Amino acid sequence: MIHSKATVKSNISSIIYSVRYDFWQGIMKRFPVFLGIGFIFLLANITFIKKTAVLLSSGNSSGLSFADIWIYTFRGMEVYTPSENSKFVIPGFWLLLQVYFSYLVSFWPYTNISGHGHQVLLRCQSRWKWWIGKCLWVGMSTIGYYLIGAVTLLLCVWLNGGQADLNVHNDILSAFQIPMDGYTASWLLGIFILPVLASLTLGMIQLVLQFCVGPMITLIIAVAILVSSAFFSNPLLIGNQAMIWRYAFITPHEIDFLPSLIIDAILIIAAFILGGWRFSRYDIL
């Protein structure tokens, strides 16, 4: 029993060491890359900021909230239906936000293991402990990405005289052709959780692929998934879950909250298990 407790304590200690190392080296020392998140979110909302300023100053709006700018940022695009007269136009700023996150998580774990990360692996004395640390790093990176993005959006709202609340103003969003008539409070959690969860899921998939095909091919695959998500409406194409325009309260029979949670949970667990199995057999030298 004493030996078992000591083993558990040693395992936890190794994982904590790995997580602290990943946080410092993989996030804090890459701060300029994370700082770019704020710029990307600001760039994606320039049109929104200008137009809402005019609407608010003219009295043609009932108000502006954090929920409004969040929905605008992650609106994505309508479901594309190919026809003779239809033209596929990819949502550029939405894609930029998603690709930047994919870039954020595509290289560091792979390149780190060839450097000082190899010493961390030796100290952990287990590839699975090292892998758990990297999975938690993906989680921390996802939280950091959306936290910086949310702070940027809050500043945009405050500078425009809005409020940091979660009220949805249909008059504001209708000015950007985002139909919110079917929105109910039951979707409030979904509009904030699904984009974050979609990124976490894609980040975990990318973490696995880095040790299968390398980081550059991994990034290309991630971009292909995101572009395909814009073209095809399918919950298994993860990018759809980060497009609020595809949610069932706007587009019936499309992305629903609970099925999406189940899909993401399955993919994250599968990535954790398959990735750990793959890394335990990965040739580091």
C-alpha atoms as a PDB file:
ATOM      1  CA  MET A   1       0.000   0.000   0.000  1.00  0.00           C
ATOM      2  CA  ILE A   2       2.825   2.409   0.912  1.00  0.00           C
ATOM      3  CA  HIS A   3       4.618   1.511  -2.324  1.00  0.00           C
ATOM      4  CA  SER A   4       1.398   2.092  -4.295  1.00  0.00           C
ATOM      5  CA  LYS A   5       0.884   5.535  -2.724  1.00  0.00           C
ATOM      6  CA  ALA A   6       4.489   6.461  -3.457  1.00  0.00           C
ATOM      7  CA  THR A   7       4.048   5.390  -7.090  1.00  0.00           C
ATOM      8  CA  VAL A   8       0.873   7.449  -7.482  1.00  0.00           C
ATOM      9  CA  LYS A   9       2.584  10.458  -5.887  1.00  0.00           C
ATOM     10  CA  SER A  10       5.569  10.053  -8.217  1.00  0.00           C
ATOM     11  CA  ASN A  11       3.298   9.804 -11.275  1.00  0.00           C
ATOM     12  CA  ILE A  12       1.365  12.921 -10.309  1.00  0.00           C
ATOM     13  CA  SER A  13       4.602  14.775  -9.574  1.00  0.00           C
ATOM     14  CA  SER A  14       5.981  13.869 -13.037  1.00  0.00           C
ATOM     15  CA  ILE A  15       2.811  15.030 -14.800  1.00  0.00           C
ATOM     16  CA  ILE A  16       2.770  18.311 -12.837  1.00  0.00           C
ATOM     17  CA  TYR A  17       6.406  18.903 -13.781  1.00  0.00           C
ATOM     18  CA  SER A  18       5.586  18.262 -17.445  1.00  0.00           C
ATOM     19  CA  VAL A  19       2.557  20.596 -17.329  1.00  0.00           C
ATOM     20  CA  ARG A  20       4.548  23.396 -15.655  1.00  0.00           C
ATOM     21  CA  TYR A  21       7.288  23.003 -18.242  1.00  0.00           C
ATOM     22  CA  ASP A  22       4.778  23.055 -21.112  1.00  0.00           C
ATOM     23  CA  PHE A  23       3.026  26.114 -19.702  1.00  0.00           C
ATOM     24  CA  TRP A  24       6.258  28.054 -19.376  1.00  0.00           C
ATOM     25  CA  GLN A  25       8.018  26.938 -22.563  1.00  0.00           C
ATOM     26  CA  GLY A  26       4.992  26.278 -24.761  1.00  0.00           C
ATOM     27  CA  ILE A  27       2.898  29.306 -23.824  1.00  0.00           C
ATOM     28  CA  MET A  28       4.707  31.986 -21.819  1.00  0.00           C
ATOM     29  CA  LYS A  29       7.922  31.884 -23.887  1.00  0.00           C
ATOM     30  CA  ARG A  30       5.821  31.942 -27.071  1.00  0.00           C
ATOM     31  CA  PHE A  31       3.926  34.986 -25.820  1.00  0.00           C
ATOM     32  CA  PRO A  32       4.390  37.021 -29.040  1.00  0.00           C
ATOM     33  CA  VAL A  33       2.519  34.306 -30.946  1.00  0.00           C
ATOM     34  CA  PHE A  34      -0.286  34.383 -28.373  1.00  0.00           C
ATOM     35  CA  LEU A  35      -0.278  38.188 -28.440  1.00  0.00           C
ATOM     36  CA  GLY A  36      -1.102  37.966 -32.141  1.00  0.00           C
ATOM     37  CA  ILE A  37      -4.459  36.455 -31.167  1.00  0.00           C
ATOM     38  CA  GLY A  38      -5.719  39.837 -30.017  1.00  0.00           C
ATOM     39  CA  PHE A  39      -4.739  41.427 -33.323  1.00  0.00           C
ATOM     40  CA  ILE A  40      -6.506  38.676 -35.302  1.00  0.00           C
ATOM     41  CA  PHE A  41      -9.726  39.086 -33.286  1.00  0.00           C
ATOM     42  CA  LEU A  42      -9.566  42.875 -33.692  1.00  0.00           C
ATOM     43  CA  LEU A  43      -8.984  42.571 -37.434  1.00  0.00           C
ATOM     44  CA  ALA A  44     -11.972  40.228 -37.774  1.00  0.00           C
ATOM     45  CA  ASN A  45     -14.257  42.803 -36.139  1.00  0.00           C
ATOM     46  CA  ILE A  46     -13.303  46.120 -37.766  1.00  0.00           C
ATOM     47  CA  THR A  47     -16.473  46.172 -39.890  1.00  0.00           C
ATOM     48  CA  PHE A  48     -18.604  45.247 -36.874  1.00  0.00           C
ATOM     49  CA  ILE A  49     -17.069  48.016 -34.744  1.00  0.00           C
ATOM     50  CA  LYS A  50     -17.594  50.695 -37.413  1.00  0.00           C
ATOM     51  CA  LYS A  51     -21.171  49.720 -38.253  1.00  0.00           C
ATOM     52  CA  THR A  52     -22.351  49.294 -34.655  1.00  0.00           C
ATOM     53  CA  ALA A  53     -20.861  52.687 -33.755  1.00  0.00           C
ATOM     54  CA  VAL A  54     -23.085  54.270 -36.413  1.00  0.00           C
ATOM     55  CA  LEU A  55     -26.154  52.279 -35.295  1.00  0.00           C
ATOM     56  CA  LEU A  56     -25.675  53.200 -31.632  1.00  0.00           C
ATOM     57  CA  SER A  57     -24.974  56.882 -32.264  1.00  0.00           C
ATOM     58  CA  SER A  58     -28.049  57.198 -34.496  1.00  0.00           C
ATOM     59  CA  GLY A  59     -30.298  55.510 -31.935  1.00  0.00           C
ATOM     60  CA  ASN A  60     -31.181  52.685 -34.327  1.00  0.00           C
ATOM     61  CA  SER A  61     -30.163  49.969 -31.883  1.00  0.00           C
ATOM     62  CA  SER A  62     -31.397  48.850 -28.482  1.00  0.00           C
ATOM     63  CA  GLY A  63     -27.846  48.177 -27.291  1.00  0.00           C
ATOM     64  CA  LEU A  64     -24.647  46.235 -27.808  1.00  0.00           C
ATOM     65  CA  SER A  65     -23.387  43.263 -25.787  1.00  0.00           C
ATOM     66  CA  PHE A  66     -20.514  40.824 -25.583  1.00  0.00           C
ATOM     67  CA  ALA A  67     -22.842  38.107 -26.915  1.00  0.00           C
ATOM     68  CA  ASP A  68     -23.509  40.192 -30.049  1.00  0.00           C
ATOM     69  CA  ILE A  69     -19.856  40.570 -31.003  1.00  0.00           C
ATOM     70  CA  TRP A  70     -19.138  36.908 -30.127  1.00  0.00           C
ATOM     71  CA  ILE A  71     -21.928  35.731 -32.460  1.00  0.00           C
ATOM     72  CA  TYR A  72     -20.666  38.048 -35.207  1.00  0.00           C
ATOM     73  CA  THR A  73     -17.081  36.799 -34.783  1.00  0.00           C
ATOM     74  CA  PHE A  74     -18.021  33.119 -35.015  1.00  0.00           C
ATOM     75  CA  ARG A  75     -20.964  33.456 -37.385  1.00  0.00           C
ATOM     76  CA  GLY A  76     -19.131  31.643 -40.211  1.00  0.00           C
ATOM     77  CA  MET A  77     -21.402  31.294 -43.223  1.00  0.00           C
ATOM     78  CA  GLU A  78     -24.708  29.838 -44.336  1.00  0.00           C
ATOM     79  CA  VAL A  79     -24.914  26.248 -45.526  1.00  0.00           C
ATOM     80  CA  TYR A  80     -23.637  26.233 -49.096  1.00  0.00           C
ATOM     81  CA  THR A  81     -25.990  24.761 -51.697  1.00  0.00           C
ATOM     82  CA  PRO A  82     -24.281  24.290 -55.077  1.00  0.00           C
ATOM     83  CA  SER A  83     -26.257  25.554 -58.063  1.00  0.00           C
ATOM     84  CA  GLU A  84     -25.680  27.314 -61.369  1.00  0.00           C
ATOM     85  CA  ASN A  85     -26.126  30.775 -59.880  1.00  0.00           C
ATOM     86  CA  SER A  86     -24.527  30.172 -56.486  1.00  0.00           C
ATOM     87  CA  LYS A  87     -20.965  31.211 -55.811  1.00  0.00           C
ATOM     88  CA  PHE A  88     -18.922  29.729 -52.984  1.00  0.00           C
ATOM     89  CA  VAL A  89     -17.310  32.513 -50.951  1.00  0.00           C
ATOM     90  CA  ILE A  90     -15.338  31.276 -47.981  1.00  0.00           C
ATOM     91  CA  PRO A  91     -15.711  33.348 -44.771  1.00  0.00           C
ATOM     92  CA  GLY A  92     -12.226  34.853 -44.756  1.00  0.00           C
ATOM     93  CA  PHE A  93     -11.990  36.245 -41.226  1.00  0.00           C
ATOM     94  CA  TRP A  94     -13.622  33.164 -39.706  1.00  0.00           C
ATOM     95  CA  LEU A  95     -11.080  30.986 -41.516  1.00  0.00           C
ATOM     96  CA  LEU A  96      -8.238  33.265 -40.376  1.00  0.00           C
ATOM     97  CA  LEU A  97      -9.295  32.843 -36.726  1.00  0.00           C
ATOM     98  CA  GLN A  98      -9.445  29.063 -37.059  1.00  0.00           C
ATOM     99  CA  VAL A  99      -6.206  28.688 -39.025  1.00  0.00           C
ATOM    100  CA  TYR A 100      -4.309  30.861 -36.546  1.00  0.00           C
ATOM    101  CA  PHE A 101      -5.358  28.523 -33.749  1.00  0.00           C
ATOM    102  CA  SER A 102      -4.285  25.506 -35.833  1.00  0.00           C
ATOM    103  CA  TYR A 103      -0.912  27.163 -36.426  1.00  0.00           C
ATOM    104  CA  LEU A 104      -0.629  27.813 -32.683  1.00  0.00           C
ATOM    105  CA  VAL A 105      -0.788  24.107 -31.813  1.00  0.00           C
ATOM    106  CA  SER A 106       0.839  22.565 -34.897  1.00  0.00           C
ATOM    107  CA  PHE A 107       4.584  22.774 -34.286  1.00  0.00           C
ATOM    108  CA  TRP A 108       5.737  23.166 -30.684  1.00  0.00           C
ATOM    109  CA  PRO A 109       5.222  19.609 -29.286  1.00  0.00           C
ATOM    110  CA  TYR A 110       6.935  18.049 -32.303  1.00  0.00           C
ATOM    111  CA  THR A 111       9.938  20.390 -32.350  1.00  0.00           C
ATOM    112  CA  ASN A 112      10.259  20.427 -28.564  1.00  0.00           C
ATOM    113  CA  ILE A 113      10.800  16.686 -28.244  1.00  0.00           C
ATOM    114  CA  SER A 114      13.945  17.016 -30.358  1.00  0.00           C
ATOM    115  CA  GLY A 115      15.361  19.628 -27.974  1.00  0.00           C
ATOM    116  CA  HIS A 116      15.017  20.222 -24.249  1.00  0.00           C
ATOM    117  CA  GLY A 117      11.720  18.341 -24.255  1.00  0.00           C
ATOM    118  CA  HIS A 118      13.716  15.126 -24.527  1.00  0.00           C
ATOM    119  CA  GLN A 119      15.165  15.837 -21.062  1.00  0.00           C
ATOM    120  CA  VAL A 120      11.631  16.382 -19.753  1.00  0.00           C
ATOM    121  CA  LEU A 121      10.652  13.013 -21.188  1.00  0.00           C
ATOM    122  CA  LEU A 122      13.571  11.344 -19.398  1.00  0.00           C
ATOM    123  CA  ARG A 123      12.572  13.001 -16.110  1.00  0.00           C
ATOM    124  CA  CYS A 124       8.961  11.863 -16.558  1.00  0.00           C
ATOM    125  CA  GLN A 125      10.268   8.291 -17.009  1.00  0.00           C
ATOM    126  CA  SER A 126       7.183   7.476 -19.038  1.00  0.00           C
ATOM    127  CA  ARG A 127       6.037   8.415 -22.522  1.00  0.00           C
ATOM    128  CA  TRP A 128       2.419   8.335 -21.387  1.00  0.00           C
ATOM    129  CA  LYS A 129       3.110  10.941 -18.692  1.00  0.00           C
ATOM    130  CA  TRP A 130       4.786  13.158 -21.294  1.00  0.00           C
ATOM    131  CA  TRP A 131       1.818  12.647 -23.617  1.00  0.00           C
ATOM    132  CA  ILE A 132      -0.682  13.589 -20.882  1.00  0.00           C
ATOM    133  CA  GLY A 133       1.291  16.795 -20.351  1.00  0.00           C
ATOM    134  CA  LYS A 134       1.070  17.660 -24.041  1.00  0.00           C
ATOM    135  CA  CYS A 135      -2.677  16.953 -24.124  1.00  0.00           C
ATOM    136  CA  LEU A 136      -3.102  19.330 -21.186  1.00  0.00           C
ATOM    137  CA  TRP A 137      -0.945  21.854 -23.080  1.00  0.00           C
ATOM    138  CA  VAL A 138      -3.431  21.733 -25.966  1.00  0.00           C
ATOM    139  CA  GLY A 139      -6.186  22.423 -23.421  1.00  0.00           C
ATOM    140  CA  MET A 140      -4.256  25.351 -21.909  1.00  0.00           C
ATOM    141  CA  SER A 141      -3.508  26.749 -25.368  1.00  0.00           C
ATOM    142  CA  THR A 142      -7.188  26.551 -26.302  1.00  0.00           C
ATOM    143  CA  ILE A 143      -8.245  28.334 -23.115  1.00  0.00           C
ATOM    144  CA  GLY A 144      -5.519  30.956 -23.621  1.00  0.00           C
ATOM    145  CA  TYR A 145      -6.561  31.527 -27.236  1.00  0.00           C
ATOM    146  CA  TYR A 146     -10.207  32.126 -26.419  1.00  0.00           C
ATOM    147  CA  LEU A 147      -9.460  34.064 -23.236  1.00  0.00           C
ATOM    148  CA  ILE A 148      -7.280  36.558 -25.129  1.00  0.00           C
ATOM    149  CA  GLY A 149      -9.912  36.682 -27.883  1.00  0.00           C
ATOM    150  CA  ALA A 150     -12.719  37.294 -25.371  1.00  0.00           C
ATOM    151  CA  VAL A 151     -10.787  40.118 -23.658  1.00  0.00           C
ATOM    152  CA  THR A 152     -10.217  41.736 -27.071  1.00  0.00           C
ATOM    153  CA  LEU A 153     -13.927  41.490 -27.897  1.00  0.00           C
ATOM    154  CA  LEU A 154     -14.861  42.941 -24.504  1.00  0.00           C
ATOM    155  CA  LEU A 155     -12.603  45.936 -25.120  1.00  0.00           C
ATOM    156  CA  CYS A 156     -14.237  46.449 -28.512  1.00  0.00           C
ATOM    157  CA  VAL A 157     -17.694  46.406 -26.893  1.00  0.00           C
ATOM    158  CA  TRP A 158     -16.718  48.818 -24.106  1.00  0.00           C
ATOM    159  CA  LEU A 159     -15.043  51.251 -26.519  1.00  0.00           C
ATOM    160  CA  ASN A 160     -18.261  51.271 -28.525  1.00  0.00           C
ATOM    161  CA  GLY A 161     -20.336  52.042 -25.445  1.00  0.00           C
ATOM    162  CA  GLY A 162     -21.743  48.528 -25.113  1.00  0.00           C
ATOM    163  CA  GLN A 163     -22.184  46.304 -22.087  1.00  0.00           C
ATOM    164  CA  ALA A 164     -20.294  43.188 -20.985  1.00  0.00           C
ATOM    165  CA  ASP A 165     -23.496  41.146 -20.758  1.00  0.00           C
ATOM    166  CA  LEU A 166     -24.942  38.189 -22.632  1.00  0.00           C
ATOM    167  CA  ASN A 167     -28.122  39.774 -23.977  1.00  0.00           C
ATOM    168  CA  VAL A 168     -28.610  39.152 -27.694  1.00  0.00           C
ATOM    169  CA  HIS A 169     -29.799  42.179 -29.695  1.00  0.00           C
ATOM    170  CA  ASN A 170     -31.580  41.068 -32.860  1.00  0.00           C
ATOM    171  CA  ASP A 171     -31.509  44.569 -34.339  1.00  0.00           C
ATOM    172  CA  ILE A 172     -27.693  44.660 -34.189  1.00  0.00           C
ATOM    173  CA  LEU A 173     -27.206  41.200 -35.680  1.00  0.00           C
ATOM    174  CA  SER A 174     -29.883  41.655 -38.354  1.00  0.00           C
ATOM    175  CA  ALA A 175     -27.814  44.580 -39.638  1.00  0.00           C
ATOM    176  CA  PHE A 176     -25.227  41.938 -40.574  1.00  0.00           C
ATOM    177  CA  GLN A 177     -27.866  39.576 -42.041  1.00  0.00           C
ATOM    178  CA  ILE A 178     -27.545  37.147 -39.138  1.00  0.00           C
ATOM    179  CA  PRO A 179     -31.080  35.811 -38.500  1.00  0.00           C
ATOM    180  CA  MET A 180     -31.610  35.362 -34.757  1.00  0.00           C
ATOM    181  CA  ASP A 181     -35.414  34.930 -34.689  1.00  0.00           C
ATOM    182  CA  GLY A 182     -35.121  31.278 -33.638  1.00  0.00           C
ATOM    183  CA  TYR A 183     -32.650  32.001 -30.836  1.00  0.00           C
ATOM    184  CA  THR A 184     -33.676  31.009 -27.307  1.00  0.00           C
ATOM    185  CA  ALA A 185     -31.847  31.208 -23.983  1.00  0.00           C
ATOM    186  CA  SER A 186     -31.311  27.426 -24.123  1.00  0.00           C
ATOM    187  CA  TRP A 187     -28.678  28.072 -26.806  1.00  0.00           C
ATOM    188  CA  LEU A 188     -26.737  30.604 -24.706  1.00  0.00           C
ATOM    189  CA  LEU A 189     -24.320  27.959 -23.434  1.00  0.00           C
ATOM    190  CA  GLY A 190     -23.973  26.410 -26.886  1.00  0.00           C
ATOM    191  CA  ILE A 191     -22.877  29.540 -28.721  1.00  0.00           C
ATOM    192  CA  PHE A 192     -19.977  29.981 -26.296  1.00  0.00           C
ATOM    193  CA  ILE A 193     -18.974  26.367 -25.700  1.00  0.00           C
ATOM    194  CA  LEU A 194     -19.157  24.829 -29.190  1.00  0.00           C
ATOM    195  CA  PRO A 195     -16.548  27.081 -30.900  1.00  0.00           C
ATOM    196  CA  VAL A 196     -14.110  26.455 -28.021  1.00  0.00           C
ATOM    197  CA  LEU A 197     -14.796  22.727 -27.979  1.00  0.00           C
ATOM    198  CA  ALA A 198     -14.387  22.525 -31.773  1.00  0.00           C
ATOM    199  CA  SER A 199     -10.919  24.082 -31.470  1.00  0.00           C
ATOM    200  CA  LEU A 200      -9.961  21.765 -28.608  1.00  0.00           C
ATOM    201  CA  THR A 201     -11.048  18.738 -30.648  1.00  0.00           C
ATOM    202  CA  LEU A 202      -9.164  19.849 -33.740  1.00  0.00           C
ATOM    203  CA  GLY A 203      -6.129  20.665 -31.582  1.00  0.00           C
ATOM    204  CA  MET A 204      -6.112  17.144 -30.141  1.00  0.00           C
ATOM    205  CA  ILE A 205      -6.370  15.638 -33.617  1.00  0.00           C
ATOM    206  CA  GLN A 206      -3.461  17.815 -34.735  1.00  0.00           C
ATOM    207  CA  LEU A 207      -1.394  16.716 -31.731  1.00  0.00           C
ATOM    208  CA  VAL A 208      -1.764  13.093 -32.813  1.00  0.00           C
ATOM    209  CA  LEU A 209      -1.060  13.806 -36.478  1.00  0.00           C
ATOM    210  CA  GLN A 210       2.188  15.654 -35.671  1.00  0.00           C
ATOM    211  CA  PHE A 211       3.756  12.362 -34.629  1.00  0.00           C
ATOM    212  CA  CYS A 212       2.362  10.551 -37.671  1.00  0.00           C
ATOM    213  CA  VAL A 213       2.964  12.880 -40.649  1.00  0.00           C
ATOM    214  CA  GLY A 214       4.892  15.839 -39.178  1.00  0.00           C
ATOM    215  CA  PRO A 215       3.722  19.348 -38.224  1.00  0.00           C
ATOM    216  CA  MET A 216       3.578  20.932 -41.691  1.00  0.00           C
ATOM    217  CA  ILE A 217       1.395  18.204 -43.206  1.00  0.00           C
ATOM    218  CA  THR A 218      -0.688  18.336 -40.022  1.00  0.00           C
ATOM    219  CA  LEU A 219      -1.333  22.053 -40.515  1.00  0.00           C
ATOM    220  CA  ILE A 220      -2.283  21.462 -44.165  1.00  0.00           C
ATOM    221  CA  ILE A 221      -4.731  18.739 -43.108  1.00  0.00           C
ATOM    222  CA  ALA A 222      -6.241  21.063 -40.476  1.00  0.00           C
ATOM    223  CA  VAL A 223      -6.722  23.851 -43.034  1.00  0.00           C
ATOM    224  CA  ALA A 224      -8.289  21.328 -45.437  1.00  0.00           C
ATOM    225  CA  ILE A 225     -10.738  20.267 -42.707  1.00  0.00           C
ATOM    226  CA  LEU A 226     -11.671  23.897 -42.033  1.00  0.00           C
ATOM    227  CA  VAL A 227     -12.154  24.764 -45.712  1.00  0.00           C
ATOM    228  CA  SER A 228     -14.183  21.573 -46.205  1.00  0.00           C
ATOM    229  CA  SER A 229     -16.295  22.566 -43.198  1.00  0.00           C
ATOM    230  CA  ALA A 230     -17.243  25.783 -44.960  1.00  0.00           C
ATOM    231  CA  PHE A 231     -18.114  23.897 -48.153  1.00  0.00           C
ATOM    232  CA  PHE A 232     -19.897  20.891 -46.596  1.00  0.00           C
ATOM    233  CA  SER A 233     -22.292  20.943 -43.658  1.00  0.00           C
ATOM    234  CA  ASN A 234     -21.423  17.887 -41.582  1.00  0.00           C
ATOM    235  CA  PRO A 235     -20.888  17.738 -37.782  1.00  0.00           C
ATOM    236  CA  LEU A 236     -17.930  15.384 -38.303  1.00  0.00           C
ATOM    237  CA  LEU A 237     -16.177  18.222 -40.139  1.00  0.00           C
ATOM    238  CA  ILE A 238     -15.275  19.984 -36.906  1.00  0.00           C
ATOM    239  CA  GLY A 239     -15.263  23.508 -38.340  1.00  0.00           C
ATOM    240  CA  ASN A 240     -19.054  23.401 -38.680  1.00  0.00           C
ATOM    241  CA  GLN A 241     -19.336  23.438 -34.898  1.00  0.00           C
ATOM    242  CA  ALA A 242     -17.503  26.770 -34.809  1.00  0.00           C
ATOM    243  CA  MET A 243     -20.000  28.393 -37.226  1.00  0.00           C
ATOM    244  CA  ILE A 244     -22.963  29.823 -35.340  1.00  0.00           C
ATOM    245  CA  TRP A 245     -24.781  30.329 -38.645  1.00  0.00           C
ATOM    246  CA  ARG A 246     -24.912  26.512 -38.936  1.00  0.00           C
ATOM    247  CA  TYR A 247     -26.537  26.043 -35.510  1.00  0.00           C
ATOM    248  CA  ALA A 248     -30.021  24.531 -35.506  1.00  0.00           C
ATOM    249  CA  PHE A 249     -31.725  27.654 -34.129  1.00  0.00           C
ATOM    250  CA  ILE A 250     -30.677  29.525 -37.307  1.00  0.00           C
ATOM    251  CA  THR A 251     -30.487  26.669 -39.824  1.00  0.00           C
ATOM    252  CA  PRO A 252     -32.934  23.860 -38.941  1.00  0.00           C
ATOM    253  CA  HIS A 253     -31.646  20.260 -38.930  1.00  0.00           C
ATOM    254  CA  GLU A 254     -28.006  21.350 -38.820  1.00  0.00           C
ATOM    255  CA  ILE A 255     -25.588  21.582 -35.835  1.00  0.00           C
ATOM    256  CA  ASP A 256     -27.239  20.739 -32.517  1.00  0.00           C
ATOM    257  CA  PHE A 257     -25.651  21.169 -29.097  1.00  0.00           C
ATOM    258  CA  LEU A 258     -25.853  17.711 -27.488  1.00  0.00           C
ATOM    259  CA  PRO A 259     -24.876  15.609 -30.554  1.00  0.00           C
ATOM    260  CA  SER A 260     -21.909  17.932 -31.098  1.00  0.00           C
ATOM    261  CA  LEU A 261     -20.782  17.469 -27.485  1.00  0.00           C
ATOM    262  CA  ILE A 262     -20.937  13.691 -27.921  1.00  0.00           C
ATOM    263  CA  ILE A 263     -18.983  13.773 -31.199  1.00  0.00           C
ATOM    264  CA  ASP A 264     -16.288  16.000 -29.678  1.00  0.00           C
ATOM    265  CA  ALA A 265     -15.996  13.859 -26.545  1.00  0.00           C
ATOM    266  CA  ILE A 266     -15.541  10.703 -28.646  1.00  0.00           C
ATOM    267  CA  LEU A 267     -12.932  12.354 -30.878  1.00  0.00           C
ATOM    268  CA  ILE A 268     -10.986  13.829 -27.938  1.00  0.00           C
ATOM    269  CA  ILE A 269     -10.895  10.503 -26.069  1.00  0.00           C
ATOM    270  CA  ALA A 270      -9.930   8.645 -29.268  1.00  0.00           C
ATOM    271  CA  ALA A 271      -7.154  11.173 -29.979  1.00  0.00           C
ATOM    272  CA  PHE A 272      -5.846  10.838 -26.417  1.00  0.00           C
ATOM    273  CA  ILE A 273      -5.712   7.029 -26.590  1.00  0.00           C
ATOM    274  CA  LEU A 274      -4.461   6.677 -30.170  1.00  0.00           C
ATOM    275  CA  GLY A 275      -1.947   9.483 -29.711  1.00  0.00           C
ATOM    276  CA  GLY A 276      -0.566   7.961 -26.530  1.00  0.00           C
ATOM    277  CA  TRP A 277      -0.285   4.583 -28.228  1.00  0.00           C
ATOM    278  CA  ARG A 278       1.442   6.156 -31.243  1.00  0.00           C
ATOM    279  CA  PHE A 279       3.882   8.211 -29.143  1.00  0.00           C
ATOM    280  CA  SER A 280       4.770   5.188 -26.980  1.00  0.00           C
ATOM    281  CA  ARG A 281       6.116   3.621 -30.194  1.00  0.00           C
ATOM    282  CA  TYR A 282       7.492   6.807 -31.745  1.00  0.00           C
ATOM    283  CA  ASP A 283      11.175   6.819 -32.709  1.00  0.00           C
ATOM    284  CA  ILE A 284      12.550   9.989 -31.134  1.00  0.00           C
ATOM    285  CA  LEU A 285      16.108   9.654 -32.412  1.00  0.00           C
END
